[in-house]
Amino acid sequence: MAGNHAQFIQSGYIASTPGLHLRTAATICDSSIFKCRLCPQDQTVLLTSPKNQQLYTALNDDAFANTYFAHTVGLSVVSRPRLISTFYLLREAILAVPGDVVETGVFMGGSGIMMANVMKDWDPCGRRYFGFDSFQGLPQPVKEDALGTTNIGAQGLFAAGVDIVKANFAKHGVDDPKLVQLIPGWFNESLPTAPVDHIAFLRLDGDLYISTWEALIYLYPKVAPGGLIYVDDYGSFNGCKVAVDKYRSMHRIAAPLHWIREPGNYVEAVWWRKDYEIQYMQD
């Protein structure tokens, strides 16, 4: 791909509206609801850290970014535009949003390994990556998954045992339990007691309605104001779209959905930034 990833994003693959705008930690933490643990309230730790100043520049360079994309080879079915989008959203979280990084739907670990390596190399705040998965594949589809589509997703699809996935993380140098925690179980069992307080970047990749819905109801309230939410299957699995649209409508989330376009100009994934609609969730 010619040019750098910033040009790639500006060409319309990552978003249908203007892209990411860096916010200061002080702005994001200005909330009586969230007492953010990561990073510290002093935003200079985030924005003047030599590592983060280098990161902001370096992640626009193809050669630099490709060193991280290499971790996904053979371990991910996510397209390059979506990996690039994940990469840039993670960069934004590291630079300006307090909280940990959470992924629901890990499969072989490709995108999680990529994110954990970026965090290991560049995050100054000691954040953690949490990867939740049944490690038994997809659950049983429900009626919402069958509405207007044949791409339902078979039960047991995308199964990878937790020991295999842990070995993949170890092979790529990110098996420190202080950085990476892989938590097995169906989401209705694992997410209600998830050991995470605040989330900077929430990456949903559960494919089906129930996986997406449970991730939103249990984890979205923990996303810090200014946090970023990525949904990998919004345009490809109908049940995922139904869950996202229903949740956003129920909680009056007005933040625009940004489309991540594939080379054929179709959309599989979306993202949005959580603003301050959280007060409605308290009503």
Protein backbone atom coordinates (compact mmCIF):
# COMPACT_ATOMS: atom_id res chain seq x y z
CA MET A 1 0.00 0.00 0.00
CA ALA A 2 1.48 3.29 -1.04
CA GLY A 3 1.62 6.20 1.37
CA ASN A 4 1.19 6.13 5.10
CA HIS A 5 -1.71 4.88 7.17
CA ALA A 6 -2.93 8.39 7.95
CA GLN A 7 -3.56 8.90 4.24
CA PHE A 8 -5.25 5.50 4.12
CA ILE A 9 -7.63 6.52 6.88
CA GLN A 10 -8.34 9.90 5.35
CA SER A 11 -9.28 8.17 2.10
CA GLY A 12 -12.44 6.95 3.79
CA TYR A 13 -11.69 3.40 4.90
CA ILE A 14 -11.80 4.04 8.60
CA ALA A 15 -14.58 6.58 8.89
CA SER A 16 -17.44 8.19 7.07
CA THR A 17 -16.89 11.44 8.96
CA PRO A 18 -13.75 13.32 10.06
CA GLY A 19 -11.48 11.01 12.01
CA LEU A 20 -9.97 10.93 15.44
CA HIS A 21 -9.33 14.14 17.33
CA LEU A 22 -6.98 13.91 20.26
CA ARG A 23 -8.49 14.97 23.56
CA THR A 24 -6.56 15.71 26.71
CA ALA A 25 -6.83 13.42 29.67
CA ALA A 26 -8.05 16.36 31.72
CA THR A 27 -11.07 16.77 29.44
CA ILE A 28 -11.84 13.07 29.42
CA CYS A 29 -11.51 12.67 33.17
CA ASP A 30 -13.75 15.66 33.91
CA SER A 31 -16.59 13.50 35.19
CA SER A 32 -18.07 13.01 38.64
CA ILE A 33 -19.12 9.51 37.61
CA PHE A 34 -15.72 8.17 36.60
CA LYS A 35 -12.73 8.37 38.92
CA CYS A 36 -10.23 7.19 36.37
CA ARG A 37 -7.33 5.02 37.48
CA LEU A 38 -5.39 4.80 34.20
CA CYS A 39 -3.71 7.09 33.41
CA PRO A 40 -3.10 9.56 36.26
CA GLN A 41 -5.18 12.73 36.34
CA ASP A 42 -2.08 14.72 35.40
CA GLN A 43 -2.45 14.64 31.63
CA THR A 44 1.19 15.61 31.16
CA VAL A 45 2.03 11.98 31.87
CA LEU A 46 0.06 11.10 28.75
CA LEU A 47 0.75 13.93 26.41
CA THR A 48 4.36 14.86 27.17
CA SER A 49 5.71 11.36 27.68
CA PRO A 50 8.66 10.95 25.27
CA LYS A 51 7.32 7.54 24.31
CA ASN A 52 3.92 8.92 23.45
CA GLN A 53 5.35 11.83 21.49
CA GLN A 54 7.29 9.27 19.45
CA LEU A 55 4.23 7.05 19.18
CA TYR A 56 2.04 9.82 17.80
CA THR A 57 4.55 10.34 14.98
CA ALA A 58 5.72 6.78 14.46
CA LEU A 59 2.30 5.20 14.03
CA ASN A 60 1.86 7.18 10.82
CA ASP A 61 4.78 5.31 9.28
CA ASP A 62 4.10 2.13 7.30
CA ALA A 63 7.33 0.37 8.21
CA PHE A 64 6.77 1.00 11.92
CA ALA A 65 3.13 -0.08 11.87
CA ASN A 66 3.84 -3.19 9.83
CA THR A 67 6.03 -4.54 12.63
CA TYR A 68 2.84 -4.79 14.68
CA PHE A 69 0.61 -6.08 11.90
CA ALA A 70 3.10 -8.94 11.48
CA HIS A 71 1.85 -10.36 14.80
CA THR A 72 -1.54 -11.09 13.23
CA VAL A 73 -0.31 -13.26 10.35
CA GLY A 74 -1.96 -16.66 10.53
CA LEU A 75 -3.80 -15.73 13.73
CA SER A 76 -6.55 -13.42 12.52
CA VAL A 77 -9.31 -13.36 9.92
CA VAL A 78 -9.69 -9.59 10.29
CA SER A 79 -9.04 -7.58 7.12
CA ARG A 80 -6.24 -5.06 6.85
CA PRO A 81 -8.54 -2.00 6.92
CA ARG A 82 -10.02 -3.25 10.19
CA LEU A 83 -6.60 -4.02 11.66
CA ILE A 84 -5.45 -0.53 10.73
CA SER A 85 -8.56 0.92 12.36
CA THR A 86 -7.99 -1.13 15.52
CA PHE A 87 -4.40 0.10 15.55
CA TYR A 88 -5.34 3.78 15.32
CA LEU A 89 -8.14 3.54 17.84
CA LEU A 90 -5.74 1.88 20.26
CA ARG A 91 -3.26 4.67 19.64
CA GLU A 92 -5.91 7.22 20.57
CA ALA A 93 -6.72 5.31 23.74
CA ILE A 94 -3.07 5.12 24.76
CA LEU A 95 -2.55 8.81 24.11
CA ALA A 96 -5.61 10.31 25.71
CA VAL A 97 -8.12 7.99 27.39
CA PRO A 98 -7.80 6.51 30.88
CA GLY A 99 -8.60 2.84 31.40
CA ASP A 100 -7.73 -0.65 30.24
CA VAL A 101 -8.17 -2.36 26.86
CA VAL A 102 -10.85 -5.04 26.55
CA GLU A 103 -11.58 -7.42 23.68
CA THR A 104 -14.59 -9.75 23.55
CA GLY A 105 -14.00 -12.48 21.01
CA VAL A 106 -10.33 -13.40 20.86
CA PHE A 107 -10.27 -16.42 18.52
CA MET A 108 -6.57 -17.27 17.85
CA GLY A 109 -5.41 -14.02 19.42
CA GLY A 110 -4.19 -12.08 16.37
CA SER A 111 -5.65 -8.64 17.07
CA GLY A 112 -5.15 -9.03 20.81
CA ILE A 113 -1.49 -9.91 20.34
CA MET A 114 -1.04 -6.87 18.12
CA MET A 115 -2.67 -4.60 20.69
CA ALA A 116 -0.76 -6.09 23.62
CA ASN A 117 2.54 -5.54 21.83
CA VAL A 118 1.71 -1.90 21.17
CA MET A 119 0.76 -1.50 24.82
CA LYS A 120 3.93 -3.24 26.02
CA ASP A 121 6.15 -1.01 23.90
CA TRP A 122 4.41 2.35 24.22
CA ASP A 123 1.90 2.65 27.05
CA PRO A 124 3.33 4.58 30.02
CA CYS A 125 0.40 3.87 32.33
CA GLY A 126 0.52 0.17 33.11
CA ARG A 127 -2.76 -0.63 31.40
CA ARG A 128 -3.91 -4.20 30.95
CA TYR A 129 -5.35 -6.11 28.03
CA PHE A 130 -8.31 -8.34 28.89
CA GLY A 131 -9.36 -10.93 26.34
CA PHE A 132 -12.73 -12.61 26.92
CA ASP A 133 -13.77 -15.67 24.92
CA SER A 134 -15.64 -18.91 25.43
CA PHE A 135 -12.70 -20.63 23.71
CA GLN A 136 -15.38 -23.03 22.49
CA GLY A 137 -16.48 -21.03 19.46
CA LEU A 138 -19.69 -19.11 18.87
CA PRO A 139 -22.78 -19.75 21.00
CA GLN A 140 -26.09 -20.98 19.63
CA PRO A 141 -27.57 -18.35 17.25
CA VAL A 142 -30.91 -16.84 18.29
CA LYS A 143 -33.79 -15.42 16.28
CA GLU A 144 -32.18 -11.98 16.02
CA ASP A 145 -29.28 -13.52 14.11
CA ALA A 146 -31.59 -14.86 11.41
CA LEU A 147 -33.33 -11.61 10.51
CA GLY A 148 -32.78 -10.89 6.84
CA THR A 149 -29.48 -12.70 6.42
CA THR A 150 -27.98 -16.09 5.73
CA ASN A 151 -24.69 -15.16 7.41
CA ILE A 152 -25.78 -16.32 10.84
CA GLY A 153 -22.64 -17.96 12.18
CA ALA A 154 -22.72 -21.60 13.14
CA GLN A 155 -22.49 -22.71 16.74
CA GLY A 156 -18.89 -23.63 17.54
CA LEU A 157 -17.42 -21.55 14.71
CA PHE A 158 -14.12 -19.79 15.52
CA ALA A 159 -13.20 -22.18 18.32
CA ALA A 160 -9.65 -22.13 19.66
CA GLY A 161 -8.69 -23.65 23.00
CA VAL A 162 -7.44 -21.30 25.68
CA ASP A 163 -4.11 -23.13 25.99
CA ILE A 164 -3.48 -22.69 22.26
CA VAL A 165 -4.29 -18.99 22.47
CA LYS A 166 -2.09 -18.50 25.54
CA ALA A 167 0.75 -20.17 23.65
CA ASN A 168 0.22 -17.76 20.74
CA PHE A 169 0.48 -14.76 23.06
CA ALA A 170 3.64 -16.22 24.62
CA LYS A 171 5.21 -16.86 21.22
CA HIS A 172 4.75 -13.19 20.39
CA GLY A 173 6.22 -11.95 23.66
CA VAL A 174 3.10 -10.83 25.50
CA ASP A 175 2.40 -13.43 28.17
CA ASP A 176 3.12 -11.27 31.23
CA PRO A 177 0.02 -11.61 33.46
CA LYS A 178 0.48 -7.99 34.53
CA LEU A 179 -0.20 -7.02 30.91
CA VAL A 180 -2.42 -9.77 29.46
CA GLN A 181 -5.30 -11.63 31.04
CA LEU A 182 -7.27 -14.17 29.00
CA ILE A 183 -10.56 -15.01 30.67
CA PRO A 184 -12.50 -18.06 29.45
CA GLY A 185 -16.24 -18.54 29.71
CA TRP A 186 -19.51 -17.65 28.05
CA PHE A 187 -20.02 -13.91 28.30
CA ASN A 188 -23.05 -14.15 30.61
CA GLU A 189 -20.76 -15.96 33.06
CA SER A 190 -17.47 -14.06 32.68
CA LEU A 191 -18.45 -10.46 32.00
CA PRO A 192 -20.60 -9.65 35.07
CA THR A 193 -17.54 -10.17 37.28
CA ALA A 194 -14.95 -8.85 34.84
CA PRO A 195 -11.94 -7.62 36.86
CA VAL A 196 -11.77 -4.27 35.06
CA ASP A 197 -12.97 -0.93 36.40
CA HIS A 198 -12.49 1.51 33.52
CA ILE A 199 -12.13 0.84 29.81
CA ALA A 200 -10.32 3.09 27.35
CA PHE A 201 -10.84 0.89 24.28
CA LEU A 202 -13.57 -1.73 23.97
CA ARG A 203 -13.20 -4.00 20.94
CA LEU A 204 -16.22 -6.23 20.28
CA ASP A 205 -15.76 -9.23 17.99
CA GLY A 206 -18.44 -11.67 19.10
CA ASP A 207 -20.23 -11.94 15.74
CA LEU A 208 -23.68 -12.88 17.03
CA TYR A 209 -26.52 -11.06 18.76
CA ILE A 210 -26.16 -12.50 22.24
CA SER A 211 -22.37 -12.12 22.32
CA THR A 212 -22.61 -8.47 21.26
CA TRP A 213 -25.56 -7.66 23.52
CA GLU A 214 -23.98 -9.16 26.63
CA ALA A 215 -20.69 -7.38 25.96
CA LEU A 216 -22.52 -4.06 25.71
CA ILE A 217 -24.73 -4.45 28.76
CA TYR A 218 -21.91 -5.56 31.04
CA LEU A 219 -18.97 -3.54 29.70
CA TYR A 220 -20.23 -0.35 28.07
CA PRO A 221 -21.02 1.29 31.43
CA LYS A 222 -17.33 0.85 32.29
CA VAL A 223 -16.08 2.69 29.20
CA ALA A 224 -14.56 5.99 30.29
CA PRO A 225 -15.99 9.20 28.82
CA GLY A 226 -14.05 9.76 25.63
CA GLY A 227 -13.43 6.02 25.32
CA LEU A 228 -13.59 4.21 22.01
CA ILE A 229 -15.85 1.34 21.01
CA TYR A 230 -15.13 -0.83 17.96
CA VAL A 231 -17.59 -3.45 16.65
CA ASP A 232 -16.06 -5.80 14.13
CA ASP A 233 -19.16 -7.52 12.73
CA TYR A 234 -21.75 -4.74 12.47
CA GLY A 235 -21.95 -4.96 8.69
CA SER A 236 -21.54 -8.71 8.28
CA PHE A 237 -23.61 -10.37 11.02
CA ASN A 238 -27.18 -9.15 11.30
CA GLY A 239 -27.55 -10.12 14.94
CA CYS A 240 -24.55 -7.98 15.83
CA LYS A 241 -26.12 -4.96 14.12
CA VAL A 242 -29.46 -5.57 15.85
CA ALA A 243 -27.73 -5.68 19.25
CA VAL A 244 -25.75 -2.48 18.66
CA ASP A 245 -28.70 -0.53 17.28
CA LYS A 246 -30.98 -1.71 20.09
CA TYR A 247 -28.47 -0.84 22.81
CA ARG A 248 -27.67 2.58 21.37
CA SER A 249 -31.36 3.38 21.02
CA MET A 250 -32.22 2.14 24.51
CA HIS A 251 -29.53 4.31 26.10
CA ARG A 252 -30.00 7.29 23.78
CA ILE A 253 -26.44 7.14 22.49
CA ALA A 254 -26.19 9.86 19.88
CA ALA A 255 -22.48 9.55 19.09
CA PRO A 256 -22.20 8.94 15.33
CA LEU A 257 -21.19 5.55 14.00
CA HIS A 258 -18.04 5.73 11.89
CA TRP A 259 -17.85 3.17 9.12
CA ILE A 260 -14.73 1.18 8.35
CA ARG A 261 -14.82 0.52 4.63
CA GLU A 262 -13.37 -2.52 2.93
CA PRO A 263 -11.61 -2.25 -0.47
CA GLY A 264 -14.89 -3.16 -2.22
CA ASN A 265 -16.51 -0.14 -0.51
CA TYR A 266 -18.66 -2.26 1.77
CA VAL A 267 -18.71 -2.00 5.56
CA GLU A 268 -18.05 -4.77 8.07
CA ALA A 269 -16.99 -2.82 11.17
CA VAL A 270 -17.93 0.44 12.88
CA TRP A 271 -16.67 2.49 15.80
CA TRP A 272 -17.81 5.39 17.94
CA ARG A 273 -16.52 7.51 20.78
CA LYS A 274 -18.37 7.53 24.06
CA ASP A 275 -19.18 11.05 25.07
CA TYR A 276 -21.32 12.02 28.02
CA GLU A 277 -24.55 10.14 27.37
CA ILE A 278 -23.68 8.10 30.46
CA GLN A 279 -25.96 10.24 32.61
CA TYR A 280 -28.94 8.76 30.76
CA MET A 281 -27.89 5.29 31.85
CA GLN A 282 -28.35 6.42 35.45
CA ASP A 283 -32.02 7.39 34.94
